[in-house]
Amino acid sequence: MNIRSRVITTIATAGFARRVSFAPGTLGSLLGLPIYYVMSFFSLPVVFFALMGFIVFASWIAGEAEKALGDKDPGCIVIDEIAGMAVTFFALDFSWTAGIAGFVLFRFFDILKPFPIRYLEKRYSGGFGVVIDDVAAGLMSNLVLRIGLLAAAAIATAPGG
């Protein structure tokens, strides 16, 4: 493997996932938690444009890594989970409760792949195909997390709650 391919696969696998045989997607998803924390320090427009740029970058890197590894959407590529986790936490205030709940929700949607996630995974190929299902899982996780946080806040502020 040449130096370019090594750099690409190191980025796509977060430097460690190629060496991990057990649950690389879960470990890659954990990297979304510090990103969530960092996102909380920036304005919504900055986070939005950074996130869009990261999704484009992740799609390119994932596609190049597929070529370098000679495999279609190998489990060792985790940049897609990182992008999905960032989408999960987009425009949410930081809290450890939300972080844990978002992590669990994202893994749930990423593993089970309910409609339309599985459809997107099968419909698209290349780097975009690697990333789009995780972005969709992140969108679903973000929505469910928001509903859960609103429900928890309503219960906490209700009389007798």
C-alpha atoms as a PDB file:
ATOM      1  CA  MET A   1       0.000   0.000   0.000  1.00  0.00           C
ATOM      2  CA  ASN A   2       1.464   3.365  -1.010  1.00  0.00           C
ATOM      3  CA  ILE A   3       1.703   6.377   1.325  1.00  0.00           C
ATOM      4  CA  ARG A   4      -1.432   8.047  -0.111  1.00  0.00           C
ATOM      5  CA  SER A   5      -3.487   4.912   0.495  1.00  0.00           C
ATOM      6  CA  ARG A   6      -2.094   4.595   4.018  1.00  0.00           C
ATOM      7  CA  VAL A   7      -3.024   8.177   4.855  1.00  0.00           C
ATOM      8  CA  ILE A   8      -6.521   7.744   3.409  1.00  0.00           C
ATOM      9  CA  THR A   9      -7.167   4.470   5.228  1.00  0.00           C
ATOM     10  CA  THR A  10      -5.792   5.886   8.465  1.00  0.00           C
ATOM     11  CA  ILE A  11      -8.244   8.796   8.260  1.00  0.00           C
ATOM     12  CA  ALA A  12     -11.161   6.598   7.146  1.00  0.00           C
ATOM     13  CA  THR A  13     -10.546   4.125   9.964  1.00  0.00           C
ATOM     14  CA  ALA A  14      -9.756   6.768  12.595  1.00  0.00           C
ATOM     15  CA  GLY A  15      -6.316   5.197  12.835  1.00  0.00           C
ATOM     16  CA  PHE A  16      -7.406   2.230  14.898  1.00  0.00           C
ATOM     17  CA  ALA A  17     -10.408   0.455  13.459  1.00  0.00           C
ATOM     18  CA  ARG A  18      -8.412  -1.676  11.022  1.00  0.00           C
ATOM     19  CA  ARG A  19      -6.779  -3.297  14.014  1.00  0.00           C
ATOM     20  CA  VAL A  20     -10.029  -3.828  15.919  1.00  0.00           C
ATOM     21  CA  SER A  21     -12.052  -6.881  14.980  1.00  0.00           C
ATOM     22  CA  PHE A  22     -14.840  -6.421  17.532  1.00  0.00           C
ATOM     23  CA  ALA A  23     -17.420  -3.651  16.953  1.00  0.00           C
ATOM     24  CA  PRO A  24     -15.319  -1.090  15.043  1.00  0.00           C
ATOM     25  CA  GLY A  25     -18.497   0.883  14.248  1.00  0.00           C
ATOM     26  CA  THR A  26     -19.332   1.203  17.931  1.00  0.00           C
ATOM     27  CA  LEU A  27     -15.800   2.336  18.735  1.00  0.00           C
ATOM     28  CA  GLY A  28     -15.885   4.767  15.820  1.00  0.00           C
ATOM     29  CA  SER A  29     -19.219   6.106  17.057  1.00  0.00           C
ATOM     30  CA  LEU A  30     -17.652   6.885  20.418  1.00  0.00           C
ATOM     31  CA  LEU A  31     -15.507   9.467  18.616  1.00  0.00           C
ATOM     32  CA  GLY A  32     -18.700  11.407  18.001  1.00  0.00           C
ATOM     33  CA  LEU A  33     -18.972  12.259  21.704  1.00  0.00           C
ATOM     34  CA  PRO A  34     -15.953  14.583  21.832  1.00  0.00           C
ATOM     35  CA  ILE A  35     -17.097  16.112  18.543  1.00  0.00           C
ATOM     36  CA  TYR A  36     -20.494  16.780  20.152  1.00  0.00           C
ATOM     37  CA  TYR A  37     -18.728  18.549  23.012  1.00  0.00           C
ATOM     38  CA  VAL A  38     -16.620  20.670  20.634  1.00  0.00           C
ATOM     39  CA  MET A  39     -19.669  21.554  18.501  1.00  0.00           C
ATOM     40  CA  SER A  40     -21.315  23.066  21.592  1.00  0.00           C
ATOM     41  CA  PHE A  41     -18.767  25.913  21.586  1.00  0.00           C
ATOM     42  CA  PHE A  42     -19.633  27.184  18.103  1.00  0.00           C
ATOM     43  CA  SER A  43     -22.583  29.003  16.579  1.00  0.00           C
ATOM     44  CA  LEU A  44     -25.207  27.061  14.657  1.00  0.00           C
ATOM     45  CA  PRO A  45     -24.150  28.401  11.212  1.00  0.00           C
ATOM     46  CA  VAL A  46     -20.503  27.486  11.851  1.00  0.00           C
ATOM     47  CA  VAL A  47     -21.470  23.984  12.987  1.00  0.00           C
ATOM     48  CA  PHE A  48     -23.848  23.551  10.037  1.00  0.00           C
ATOM     49  CA  PHE A  49     -21.243  24.447   7.406  1.00  0.00           C
ATOM     50  CA  ALA A  50     -18.520  22.463   9.157  1.00  0.00           C
ATOM     51  CA  LEU A  51     -20.831  19.452   9.332  1.00  0.00           C
ATOM     52  CA  MET A  52     -21.769  19.713   5.645  1.00  0.00           C
ATOM     53  CA  GLY A  53     -18.087  19.989   4.756  1.00  0.00           C
ATOM     54  CA  PHE A  54     -17.245  17.004   6.943  1.00  0.00           C
ATOM     55  CA  ILE A  55     -19.961  14.878   5.305  1.00  0.00           C
ATOM     56  CA  VAL A  56     -18.572  15.705   1.850  1.00  0.00           C
ATOM     57  CA  PHE A  57     -15.028  14.992   3.058  1.00  0.00           C
ATOM     58  CA  ALA A  58     -16.111  11.734   4.738  1.00  0.00           C
ATOM     59  CA  SER A  59     -17.812  10.612   1.517  1.00  0.00           C
ATOM     60  CA  TRP A  60     -14.659  11.250  -0.480  1.00  0.00           C
ATOM     61  CA  ILE A  61     -12.373   9.591   2.071  1.00  0.00           C
ATOM     62  CA  ALA A  62     -14.685   6.567   2.401  1.00  0.00           C
ATOM     63  CA  GLY A  63     -14.746   6.119  -1.378  1.00  0.00           C
ATOM     64  CA  GLU A  64     -10.979   6.359  -1.644  1.00  0.00           C
ATOM     65  CA  ALA A  65     -10.563   3.958   1.285  1.00  0.00           C
ATOM     66  CA  GLU A  66     -12.878   1.430  -0.387  1.00  0.00           C
ATOM     67  CA  LYS A  67     -10.587   1.515  -3.434  1.00  0.00           C
ATOM     68  CA  ALA A  68      -7.418   1.264  -1.341  1.00  0.00           C
ATOM     69  CA  LEU A  69      -8.778  -1.639   0.695  1.00  0.00           C
ATOM     70  CA  GLY A  70     -10.362  -3.333  -2.312  1.00  0.00           C
ATOM     71  CA  ASP A  71     -13.643  -3.861  -0.477  1.00  0.00           C
ATOM     72  CA  LYS A  72     -17.141  -2.383  -0.615  1.00  0.00           C
ATOM     73  CA  ASP A  73     -18.076  -0.601   2.647  1.00  0.00           C
ATOM     74  CA  PRO A  74     -15.718  -2.556   4.912  1.00  0.00           C
ATOM     75  CA  GLY A  75     -16.516  -2.393   8.620  1.00  0.00           C
ATOM     76  CA  CYS A  76     -13.127  -0.896   9.408  1.00  0.00           C
ATOM     77  CA  ILE A  77     -14.166   2.407   7.777  1.00  0.00           C
ATOM     78  CA  VAL A  78     -15.622   4.433  10.645  1.00  0.00           C
ATOM     79  CA  ILE A  79     -15.553   7.997   9.333  1.00  0.00           C
ATOM     80  CA  ASP A  80     -19.185   7.403   8.349  1.00  0.00           C
ATOM     81  CA  GLU A  81     -20.114   6.646  11.978  1.00  0.00           C
ATOM     82  CA  ILE A  82     -18.314   9.802  13.064  1.00  0.00           C
ATOM     83  CA  ALA A  83     -20.347  11.838  10.541  1.00  0.00           C
ATOM     84  CA  GLY A  84     -23.562  10.141  11.655  1.00  0.00           C
ATOM     85  CA  MET A  85     -22.855  10.889  15.296  1.00  0.00           C
ATOM     86  CA  ALA A  86     -22.170  14.530  14.473  1.00  0.00           C
ATOM     87  CA  VAL A  87     -25.569  14.683  12.744  1.00  0.00           C
ATOM     88  CA  THR A  88     -27.142  13.038  15.803  1.00  0.00           C
ATOM     89  CA  PHE A  89     -25.990  15.926  17.974  1.00  0.00           C
ATOM     90  CA  PHE A  90     -26.448  18.780  15.507  1.00  0.00           C
ATOM     91  CA  ALA A  91     -27.996  21.873  17.141  1.00  0.00           C
ATOM     92  CA  LEU A  92     -28.330  20.265  20.568  1.00  0.00           C
ATOM     93  CA  ASP A  93     -26.916  21.710  23.773  1.00  0.00           C
ATOM     94  CA  PHE A  94     -24.229  19.537  25.313  1.00  0.00           C
ATOM     95  CA  SER A  95     -25.086  17.252  28.204  1.00  0.00           C
ATOM     96  CA  TRP A  96     -23.796  13.836  29.152  1.00  0.00           C
ATOM     97  CA  THR A  97     -27.365  12.548  29.342  1.00  0.00           C
ATOM     98  CA  ALA A  98     -28.022  13.607  25.749  1.00  0.00           C
ATOM     99  CA  GLY A  99     -24.613  12.250  24.740  1.00  0.00           C
ATOM    100  CA  ILE A 100     -25.308   8.789  26.100  1.00  0.00           C
ATOM    101  CA  ALA A 101     -28.885   8.737  24.782  1.00  0.00           C
ATOM    102  CA  GLY A 102     -27.733   9.959  21.353  1.00  0.00           C
ATOM    103  CA  PHE A 103     -24.990   7.335  21.210  1.00  0.00           C
ATOM    104  CA  VAL A 104     -27.482   4.543  22.023  1.00  0.00           C
ATOM    105  CA  LEU A 105     -30.036   5.880  19.535  1.00  0.00           C
ATOM    106  CA  PHE A 106     -27.468   6.216  16.775  1.00  0.00           C
ATOM    107  CA  ARG A 107     -26.163   2.677  17.281  1.00  0.00           C
ATOM    108  CA  PHE A 108     -29.768   1.399  17.336  1.00  0.00           C
ATOM    109  CA  PHE A 109     -30.639   3.027  14.008  1.00  0.00           C
ATOM    110  CA  ASP A 110     -27.238   2.272  12.458  1.00  0.00           C
ATOM    111  CA  ILE A 111     -27.417  -1.425  13.307  1.00  0.00           C
ATOM    112  CA  LEU A 112     -31.120  -2.099  12.619  1.00  0.00           C
ATOM    113  CA  LYS A 113     -31.322   0.192   9.585  1.00  0.00           C
ATOM    114  CA  PRO A 114     -35.083   0.787   9.447  1.00  0.00           C
ATOM    115  CA  PHE A 115     -36.558   2.427   6.347  1.00  0.00           C
ATOM    116  CA  PRO A 116     -35.227   4.598   4.749  1.00  0.00           C
ATOM    117  CA  ILE A 117     -31.724   3.840   6.073  1.00  0.00           C
ATOM    118  CA  ARG A 118     -31.380   0.382   4.490  1.00  0.00           C
ATOM    119  CA  TYR A 119     -32.850   1.701   1.230  1.00  0.00           C
ATOM    120  CA  LEU A 120     -30.219   4.461   1.081  1.00  0.00           C
ATOM    121  CA  GLU A 121     -27.448   1.977   1.903  1.00  0.00           C
ATOM    122  CA  LYS A 122     -28.506  -0.260  -0.998  1.00  0.00           C
ATOM    123  CA  ARG A 123     -29.382   2.551  -3.418  1.00  0.00           C
ATOM    124  CA  TYR A 124     -26.056   4.394  -3.368  1.00  0.00           C
ATOM    125  CA  SER A 125     -22.534   3.121  -3.807  1.00  0.00           C
ATOM    126  CA  GLY A 126     -19.037   4.456  -3.364  1.00  0.00           C
ATOM    127  CA  GLY A 127     -18.132   6.863  -0.613  1.00  0.00           C
ATOM    128  CA  PHE A 128     -21.519   8.570  -0.677  1.00  0.00           C
ATOM    129  CA  GLY A 129     -23.172   5.187  -0.202  1.00  0.00           C
ATOM    130  CA  VAL A 130     -20.909   4.427   2.752  1.00  0.00           C
ATOM    131  CA  VAL A 131     -21.809   7.699   4.482  1.00  0.00           C
ATOM    132  CA  ILE A 132     -25.453   8.394   3.552  1.00  0.00           C
ATOM    133  CA  ASP A 133     -26.972   5.592   5.647  1.00  0.00           C
ATOM    134  CA  ASP A 134     -25.116   6.866   8.722  1.00  0.00           C
ATOM    135  CA  VAL A 135     -26.245  10.430   8.027  1.00  0.00           C
ATOM    136  CA  ALA A 136     -29.828   9.116   7.806  1.00  0.00           C
ATOM    137  CA  ALA A 137     -29.354   7.194  11.074  1.00  0.00           C
ATOM    138  CA  GLY A 138     -28.034  10.429  12.582  1.00  0.00           C
ATOM    139  CA  LEU A 139     -31.059  12.384  11.369  1.00  0.00           C
ATOM    140  CA  MET A 140     -33.446   9.822  12.855  1.00  0.00           C
ATOM    141  CA  SER A 141     -31.461   9.760  16.094  1.00  0.00           C
ATOM    142  CA  ASN A 142     -31.482  13.558  16.275  1.00  0.00           C
ATOM    143  CA  LEU A 143     -35.257  13.647  15.842  1.00  0.00           C
ATOM    144  CA  VAL A 144     -35.951  10.939  18.446  1.00  0.00           C
ATOM    145  CA  LEU A 145     -33.441  12.508  20.852  1.00  0.00           C
ATOM    146  CA  ARG A 146     -35.132  15.918  20.508  1.00  0.00           C
ATOM    147  CA  ILE A 147     -38.541  14.377  21.210  1.00  0.00           C
ATOM    148  CA  GLY A 148     -37.123  12.561  24.237  1.00  0.00           C
ATOM    149  CA  LEU A 149     -35.436  15.680  25.593  1.00  0.00           C
ATOM    150  CA  LEU A 150     -38.618  17.731  25.129  1.00  0.00           C
ATOM    151  CA  ALA A 151     -40.684  15.037  26.863  1.00  0.00           C
ATOM    152  CA  ALA A 152     -38.198  14.855  29.743  1.00  0.00           C
ATOM    153  CA  ALA A 153     -38.249  18.641  30.133  1.00  0.00           C
ATOM    154  CA  ALA A 154     -42.053  18.692  30.067  1.00  0.00           C
ATOM    155  CA  ILE A 155     -42.223  16.009  32.744  1.00  0.00           C
ATOM    156  CA  ALA A 156     -39.626  17.778  34.877  1.00  0.00           C
ATOM    157  CA  THR A 157     -41.512  21.096  34.757  1.00  0.00           C
ATOM    158  CA  ALA A 158     -44.997  19.638  35.146  1.00  0.00           C
ATOM    159  CA  PRO A 159     -46.698  20.192  38.502  1.00  0.00           C
ATOM    160  CA  GLY A 160     -45.695  17.345  40.767  1.00  0.00           C
ATOM    161  CA  GLY A 161     -42.917  16.330  38.292  1.00  0.00           C
END
